[in-house]
Amino acid sequence: MSGAKSSWPELVGILATLAATEIAHERPDVAVEVLPPGAPLPPGYNAERVRVFIDNSGIVSQTPVIG
């Protein structure tokens, strides 16, 4: 998807459920993974994945990006 969005800095600080919904709406071609603090991360880049890192309150703590 040339020109497709690959990062969502505007989602930092909002609830993970809202962030995941927004990403899925804008990029239905990628899988959204919501990851709590300390979650194990498999190595490697995946162009069909967006990882959403959250804090203990379920708030997005880092900019979600493709990979």
PDB file of N, CA and C in Angstrom:
ATOM      1  N   MET A   1       0.839  -1.182   0.000  1.00  0.00           N
ATOM      2  CA  MET A   1       0.000   0.000   0.000  1.00  0.00           C
ATOM      3  C   MET A   1       0.882   1.242   0.000  1.00  0.00           C
ATOM      4  N   SER A   2       1.222   1.694  -1.143  1.00  0.00           N
ATOM      5  CA  SER A   2       2.067   2.873  -1.239  1.00  0.00           C
ATOM      6  C   SER A   2       1.340   4.096  -0.697  1.00  0.00           C
ATOM      7  N   GLY A   3       2.037   4.860   0.127  1.00  0.00           N
ATOM      8  CA  GLY A   3       1.439   6.054   0.693  1.00  0.00           C
ATOM      9  C   GLY A   3       0.529   5.800   1.880  1.00  0.00           C
ATOM     10  N   ALA A   4       0.411   4.542   2.296  1.00  0.00           N
ATOM     11  CA  ALA A   4      -0.452   4.206   3.424  1.00  0.00           C
ATOM     12  C   ALA A   4       0.215   4.638   4.727  1.00  0.00           C
ATOM     13  N   LYS A   5      -0.591   4.953   5.702  1.00  0.00           N
ATOM     14  CA  LYS A   5      -0.098   5.392   7.002  1.00  0.00           C
ATOM     15  C   LYS A   5       0.702   4.277   7.669  1.00  0.00           C
ATOM     16  N   SER A   6       1.818   4.660   8.322  1.00  0.00           N
ATOM     17  CA  SER A   6       2.667   3.653   8.963  1.00  0.00           C
ATOM     18  C   SER A   6       2.958   3.951  10.430  1.00  0.00           C
ATOM     19  N   SER A   7       2.509   5.094  10.943  1.00  0.00           N
ATOM     20  CA  SER A   7       2.662   5.393  12.366  1.00  0.00           C
ATOM     21  C   SER A   7       1.505   6.276  12.822  1.00  0.00           C
ATOM     22  N   TRP A   8       1.228   6.205  14.126  1.00  0.00           N
ATOM     23  CA  TRP A   8       0.076   6.886  14.699  1.00  0.00           C
ATOM     24  C   TRP A   8       0.465   7.618  15.986  1.00  0.00           C
ATOM     25  N   PRO A   9       1.273   8.674  15.895  1.00  0.00           N
ATOM     26  CA  PRO A   9       1.696   9.390  17.107  1.00  0.00           C
ATOM     27  C   PRO A   9       0.531  10.046  17.848  1.00  0.00           C
ATOM     28  N   GLU A  10      -0.521  10.359  17.139  1.00  0.00           N
ATOM     29  CA  GLU A  10      -1.686  11.001  17.763  1.00  0.00           C
ATOM     30  C   GLU A  10      -2.440  10.082  18.721  1.00  0.00           C
ATOM     31  N   LEU A  11      -2.109   8.781  18.722  1.00  0.00           N
ATOM     32  CA  LEU A  11      -2.811   7.836  19.589  1.00  0.00           C
ATOM     33  C   LEU A  11      -2.141   7.650  20.949  1.00  0.00           C
ATOM     34  N   VAL A  12      -0.962   8.211  21.137  1.00  0.00           N
ATOM     35  CA  VAL A  12      -0.296   8.120  22.442  1.00  0.00           C
ATOM     36  C   VAL A  12      -1.149   8.860  23.470  1.00  0.00           C
ATOM     37  N   GLY A  13      -1.424   8.180  24.578  1.00  0.00           N
ATOM     38  CA  GLY A  13      -2.192   8.782  25.659  1.00  0.00           C
ATOM     39  C   GLY A  13      -3.670   8.440  25.664  1.00  0.00           C
ATOM     40  N   ILE A  14      -4.132   7.645  24.660  1.00  0.00           N
ATOM     41  CA  ILE A  14      -5.541   7.254  24.656  1.00  0.00           C
ATOM     42  C   ILE A  14      -5.678   5.766  24.992  1.00  0.00           C
ATOM     43  N   LEU A  15      -6.901   5.334  25.250  1.00  0.00           N
ATOM     44  CA  LEU A  15      -7.152   3.931  25.572  1.00  0.00           C
ATOM     45  C   LEU A  15      -6.763   3.014  24.416  1.00  0.00           C
ATOM     46  N   ALA A  16      -6.189   1.873  24.755  1.00  0.00           N
ATOM     47  CA  ALA A  16      -5.728   0.921  23.750  1.00  0.00           C
ATOM     48  C   ALA A  16      -6.852   0.452  22.839  1.00  0.00           C
ATOM     49  N   THR A  17      -8.041   0.260  23.388  1.00  0.00           N
ATOM     50  CA  THR A  17      -9.152  -0.214  22.553  1.00  0.00           C
ATOM     51  C   THR A  17      -9.491   0.804  21.473  1.00  0.00           C
ATOM     52  N   LEU A  18      -9.470   2.078  21.835  1.00  0.00           N
ATOM     53  CA  LEU A  18      -9.749   3.122  20.843  1.00  0.00           C
ATOM     54  C   LEU A  18      -8.634   3.199  19.809  1.00  0.00           C
ATOM     55  N   ALA A  19      -7.398   3.065  20.260  1.00  0.00           N
ATOM     56  CA  ALA A  19      -6.258   3.106  19.346  1.00  0.00           C
ATOM     57  C   ALA A  19      -6.312   1.945  18.354  1.00  0.00           C
ATOM     58  N   ALA A  20      -6.566   0.750  18.855  1.00  0.00           N
ATOM     59  CA  ALA A  20      -6.622  -0.429  17.983  1.00  0.00           C
ATOM     60  C   ALA A  20      -7.743  -0.294  16.956  1.00  0.00           C
ATOM     61  N   THR A  21      -8.874   0.240  17.375  1.00  0.00           N
ATOM     62  CA  THR A  21      -9.998   0.446  16.455  1.00  0.00           C
ATOM     63  C   THR A  21      -9.627   1.441  15.361  1.00  0.00           C
ATOM     64  N   GLU A  22      -8.975   2.529  15.742  1.00  0.00           N
ATOM     65  CA  GLU A  22      -8.570   3.553  14.774  1.00  0.00           C
ATOM     66  C   GLU A  22      -7.576   2.997  13.761  1.00  0.00           C
ATOM     67  N   ILE A  23      -6.575   2.253  14.248  1.00  0.00           N
ATOM     68  CA  ILE A  23      -5.581   1.672  13.349  1.00  0.00           C
ATOM     69  C   ILE A  23      -6.244   0.687  12.388  1.00  0.00           C
ATOM     70  N   ALA A  24      -7.108  -0.173  12.914  1.00  0.00           N
ATOM     71  CA  ALA A  24      -7.800  -1.165  12.074  1.00  0.00           C
ATOM     72  C   ALA A  24      -8.679  -0.484  11.027  1.00  0.00           C
ATOM     73  N   HIS A  25      -9.264   0.635  11.386  1.00  0.00           N
ATOM     74  CA  HIS A  25     -10.100   1.383  10.438  1.00  0.00           C
ATOM     75  C   HIS A  25      -9.246   1.988   9.320  1.00  0.00           C
ATOM     76  N   GLU A  26      -8.105   2.563   9.696  1.00  0.00           N
ATOM     77  CA  GLU A  26      -7.242   3.216   8.710  1.00  0.00           C
ATOM     78  C   GLU A  26      -6.414   2.232   7.901  1.00  0.00           C
ATOM     79  N   ARG A  27      -6.070   1.096   8.509  1.00  0.00           N
ATOM     80  CA  ARG A  27      -5.235   0.091   7.842  1.00  0.00           C
ATOM     81  C   ARG A  27      -5.810  -1.304   8.071  1.00  0.00           C
ATOM     82  N   PRO A  28      -6.900  -1.642   7.387  1.00  0.00           N
ATOM     83  CA  PRO A  28      -7.499  -2.972   7.574  1.00  0.00           C
ATOM     84  C   PRO A  28      -6.597  -4.118   7.096  1.00  0.00           C
ATOM     85  N   ASP A  29      -5.521  -3.782   6.410  1.00  0.00           N
ATOM     86  CA  ASP A  29      -4.595  -4.791   5.888  1.00  0.00           C
ATOM     87  C   ASP A  29      -3.543  -5.229   6.905  1.00  0.00           C
ATOM     88  N   VAL A  30      -3.524  -4.633   8.100  1.00  0.00           N
ATOM     89  CA  VAL A  30      -2.523  -5.023   9.106  1.00  0.00           C
ATOM     90  C   VAL A  30      -3.192  -5.605  10.341  1.00  0.00           C
ATOM     91  N   ALA A  31      -2.441  -6.433  11.058  1.00  0.00           N
ATOM     92  CA  ALA A  31      -2.908  -6.979  12.334  1.00  0.00           C
ATOM     93  C   ALA A  31      -2.437  -6.055  13.447  1.00  0.00           C
ATOM     94  N   VAL A  32      -3.306  -5.773  14.401  1.00  0.00           N
ATOM     95  CA  VAL A  32      -2.964  -4.906  15.525  1.00  0.00           C
ATOM     96  C   VAL A  32      -2.725  -5.779  16.748  1.00  0.00           C
ATOM     97  N   GLU A  33      -1.543  -5.626  17.368  1.00  0.00           N
ATOM     98  CA  GLU A  33      -1.196  -6.351  18.588  1.00  0.00           C
ATOM     99  C   GLU A  33      -1.100  -5.354  19.736  1.00  0.00           C
ATOM    100  N   VAL A  34      -1.911  -5.541  20.774  1.00  0.00           N
ATOM    101  CA  VAL A  34      -1.843  -4.696  21.964  1.00  0.00           C
ATOM    102  C   VAL A  34      -0.984  -5.423  22.990  1.00  0.00           C
ATOM    103  N   LEU A  35       0.088  -4.757  23.435  1.00  0.00           N
ATOM    104  CA  LEU A  35       1.071  -5.400  24.300  1.00  0.00           C
ATOM    105  C   LEU A  35       1.221  -4.654  25.623  1.00  0.00           C
ATOM    106  N   PRO A  36       0.957  -5.343  26.730  1.00  0.00           N
ATOM    107  CA  PRO A  36       1.131  -4.729  28.050  1.00  0.00           C
ATOM    108  C   PRO A  36       2.608  -4.652  28.420  1.00  0.00           C
ATOM    109  N   PRO A  37       2.934  -3.902  29.481  1.00  0.00           N
ATOM    110  CA  PRO A  37       4.334  -3.817  29.920  1.00  0.00           C
ATOM    111  C   PRO A  37       4.902  -5.205  30.211  1.00  0.00           C
ATOM    112  N   GLY A  38       6.119  -5.443  29.745  1.00  0.00           N
ATOM    113  CA  GLY A  38       6.802  -6.703  30.012  1.00  0.00           C
ATOM    114  C   GLY A  38       6.409  -7.854  29.116  1.00  0.00           C
ATOM    115  N   ALA A  39       5.535  -7.619  28.144  1.00  0.00           N
ATOM    116  CA  ALA A  39       5.124  -8.698  27.242  1.00  0.00           C
ATOM    117  C   ALA A  39       6.319  -9.159  26.406  1.00  0.00           C
ATOM    118  N   PRO A  40       6.452 -10.478  26.187  1.00  0.00           N
ATOM    119  CA  PRO A  40       7.550 -10.964  25.346  1.00  0.00           C
ATOM    120  C   PRO A  40       7.343 -10.520  23.892  1.00  0.00           C
ATOM    121  N   LEU A  41       8.429 -10.122  23.250  1.00  0.00           N
ATOM    122  CA  LEU A  41       8.356  -9.655  21.867  1.00  0.00           C
ATOM    123  C   LEU A  41       9.137 -10.582  20.958  1.00  0.00           C
ATOM    124  N   PRO A  42       8.436 -11.246  20.035  1.00  0.00           N
ATOM    125  CA  PRO A  42       9.178 -12.039  19.069  1.00  0.00           C
ATOM    126  C   PRO A  42      10.014 -11.100  18.191  1.00  0.00           C
ATOM    127  N   PRO A  43      11.231 -11.493  17.873  1.00  0.00           N
ATOM    128  CA  PRO A  43      12.086 -10.621  17.063  1.00  0.00           C
ATOM    129  C   PRO A  43      11.602 -10.548  15.620  1.00  0.00           C
ATOM    130  N   GLY A  44      12.051  -9.535  14.938  1.00  0.00           N
ATOM    131  CA  GLY A  44      11.793  -9.420  13.514  1.00  0.00           C
ATOM    132  C   GLY A  44      10.766  -8.374  13.156  1.00  0.00           C
ATOM    133  N   TYR A  45      10.914  -7.880  11.939  1.00  0.00           N
ATOM    134  CA  TYR A  45      10.018  -6.886  11.366  1.00  0.00           C
ATOM    135  C   TYR A  45       8.901  -7.590  10.622  1.00  0.00           C
ATOM    136  N   ASN A  46       7.694  -7.081  10.739  1.00  0.00           N
ATOM    137  CA  ASN A  46       6.550  -7.640  10.016  1.00  0.00           C
ATOM    138  C   ASN A  46       5.750  -6.472   9.459  1.00  0.00           C
ATOM    139  N   ALA A  47       5.750  -6.311   8.151  1.00  0.00           N
ATOM    140  CA  ALA A  47       5.065  -5.200   7.489  1.00  0.00           C
ATOM    141  C   ALA A  47       3.548  -5.295   7.583  1.00  0.00           C
ATOM    142  N   GLU A  48       3.051  -6.402   8.115  1.00  0.00           N
ATOM    143  CA  GLU A  48       1.602  -6.588   8.246  1.00  0.00           C
ATOM    144  C   GLU A  48       1.166  -6.555   9.706  1.00  0.00           C
ATOM    145  N   ARG A  49       1.969  -5.871  10.556  1.00  0.00           N
ATOM    146  CA  ARG A  49       1.672  -5.830  11.977  1.00  0.00           C
ATOM    147  C   ARG A  49       1.910  -4.421  12.522  1.00  0.00           C
ATOM    148  N   VAL A  50       1.043  -4.025  13.468  1.00  0.00           N
ATOM    149  CA  VAL A  50       1.255  -2.810  14.260  1.00  0.00           C
ATOM    150  C   VAL A  50       1.209  -3.221  15.718  1.00  0.00           C
ATOM    151  N   ARG A  51       2.260  -2.905  16.442  1.00  0.00           N
ATOM    152  CA  ARG A  51       2.289  -3.176  17.874  1.00  0.00           C
ATOM    153  C   ARG A  51       1.879  -1.914  18.627  1.00  0.00           C
ATOM    154  N   VAL A  52       0.939  -2.092  19.555  1.00  0.00           N
ATOM    155  CA  VAL A  52       0.467  -0.993  20.386  1.00  0.00           C
ATOM    156  C   VAL A  52       0.921  -1.289  21.813  1.00  0.00           C
ATOM    157  N   PHE A  53       1.900  -0.538  22.287  1.00  0.00           N
ATOM    158  CA  PHE A  53       2.422  -0.715  23.640  1.00  0.00           C
ATOM    159  C   PHE A  53       1.602   0.121  24.609  1.00  0.00           C
ATOM    160  N   ILE A  54       1.164  -0.519  25.691  1.00  0.00           N
ATOM    161  CA  ILE A  54       0.309   0.173  26.653  1.00  0.00           C
ATOM    162  C   ILE A  54       0.930   0.145  28.047  1.00  0.00           C
ATOM    163  N   ASP A  55       0.426   1.034  28.911  1.00  0.00           N
ATOM    164  CA  ASP A  55       0.850   1.022  30.306  1.00  0.00           C
ATOM    165  C   ASP A  55      -0.113   0.148  31.109  1.00  0.00           C
ATOM    166  N   ASN A  56       0.069   0.114  32.416  1.00  0.00           N
ATOM    167  CA  ASN A  56      -0.768  -0.734  33.267  1.00  0.00           C
ATOM    168  C   ASN A  56      -2.220  -0.281  33.340  1.00  0.00           C
ATOM    169  N   SER A  57      -2.515   0.912  32.860  1.00  0.00           N
ATOM    170  CA  SER A  57      -3.888   1.421  32.838  1.00  0.00           C
ATOM    171  C   SER A  57      -4.577   1.224  31.499  1.00  0.00           C
ATOM    172  N   GLY A  58      -3.876   0.592  30.549  1.00  0.00           N
ATOM    173  CA  GLY A  58      -4.456   0.365  29.236  1.00  0.00           C
ATOM    174  C   GLY A  58      -4.360   1.565  28.310  1.00  0.00           C
ATOM    175  N   ILE A  59      -3.439   2.474  28.623  1.00  0.00           N
ATOM    176  CA  ILE A  59      -3.226   3.681  27.825  1.00  0.00           C
ATOM    177  C   ILE A  59      -2.011   3.478  26.911  1.00  0.00           C
ATOM    178  N   VAL A  60      -2.113   3.916  25.661  1.00  0.00           N
ATOM    179  CA  VAL A  60      -1.017   3.788  24.722  1.00  0.00           C
ATOM    180  C   VAL A  60       0.169   4.609  25.225  1.00  0.00           C
ATOM    181  N   SER A  61       1.335   3.955  25.334  1.00  0.00           N
ATOM    182  CA  SER A  61       2.516   4.600  25.925  1.00  0.00           C
ATOM    183  C   SER A  61       3.607   4.943  24.918  1.00  0.00           C
ATOM    184  N   GLN A  62       3.529   4.379  23.719  1.00  0.00           N
ATOM    185  CA  GLN A  62       4.509   4.656  22.666  1.00  0.00           C
ATOM    186  C   GLN A  62       3.773   4.802  21.347  1.00  0.00           C
ATOM    187  N   THR A  63       4.371   5.493  20.407  1.00  0.00           N
ATOM    188  CA  THR A  63       3.767   5.653  19.089  1.00  0.00           C
ATOM    189  C   THR A  63       3.633   4.293  18.411  1.00  0.00           C
ATOM    190  N   PRO A  64       2.416   3.884  18.057  1.00  0.00           N
ATOM    191  CA  PRO A  64       2.253   2.638  17.299  1.00  0.00           C
ATOM    192  C   PRO A  64       2.825   2.808  15.885  1.00  0.00           C
ATOM    193  N   VAL A  65       3.587   1.801  15.449  1.00  0.00           N
ATOM    194  CA  VAL A  65       4.194   1.825  14.123  1.00  0.00           C
ATOM    195  C   VAL A  65       4.083   0.457  13.464  1.00  0.00           C
ATOM    196  N   ILE A  66       4.146   0.471  12.144  1.00  0.00           N
ATOM    197  CA  ILE A  66       4.202  -0.780  11.391  1.00  0.00           C
ATOM    198  C   ILE A  66       5.498  -1.491  11.756  1.00  0.00           C
ATOM    199  N   GLY A  67       5.440  -2.780  11.897  1.00  0.00           N
ATOM    200  CA  GLY A  67       6.660  -3.535  12.142  1.00  0.00           C
ATOM    201  C   GLY A  67       6.436  -4.645  13.088  1.00  0.00           C
TER     202      GLY A  67
END
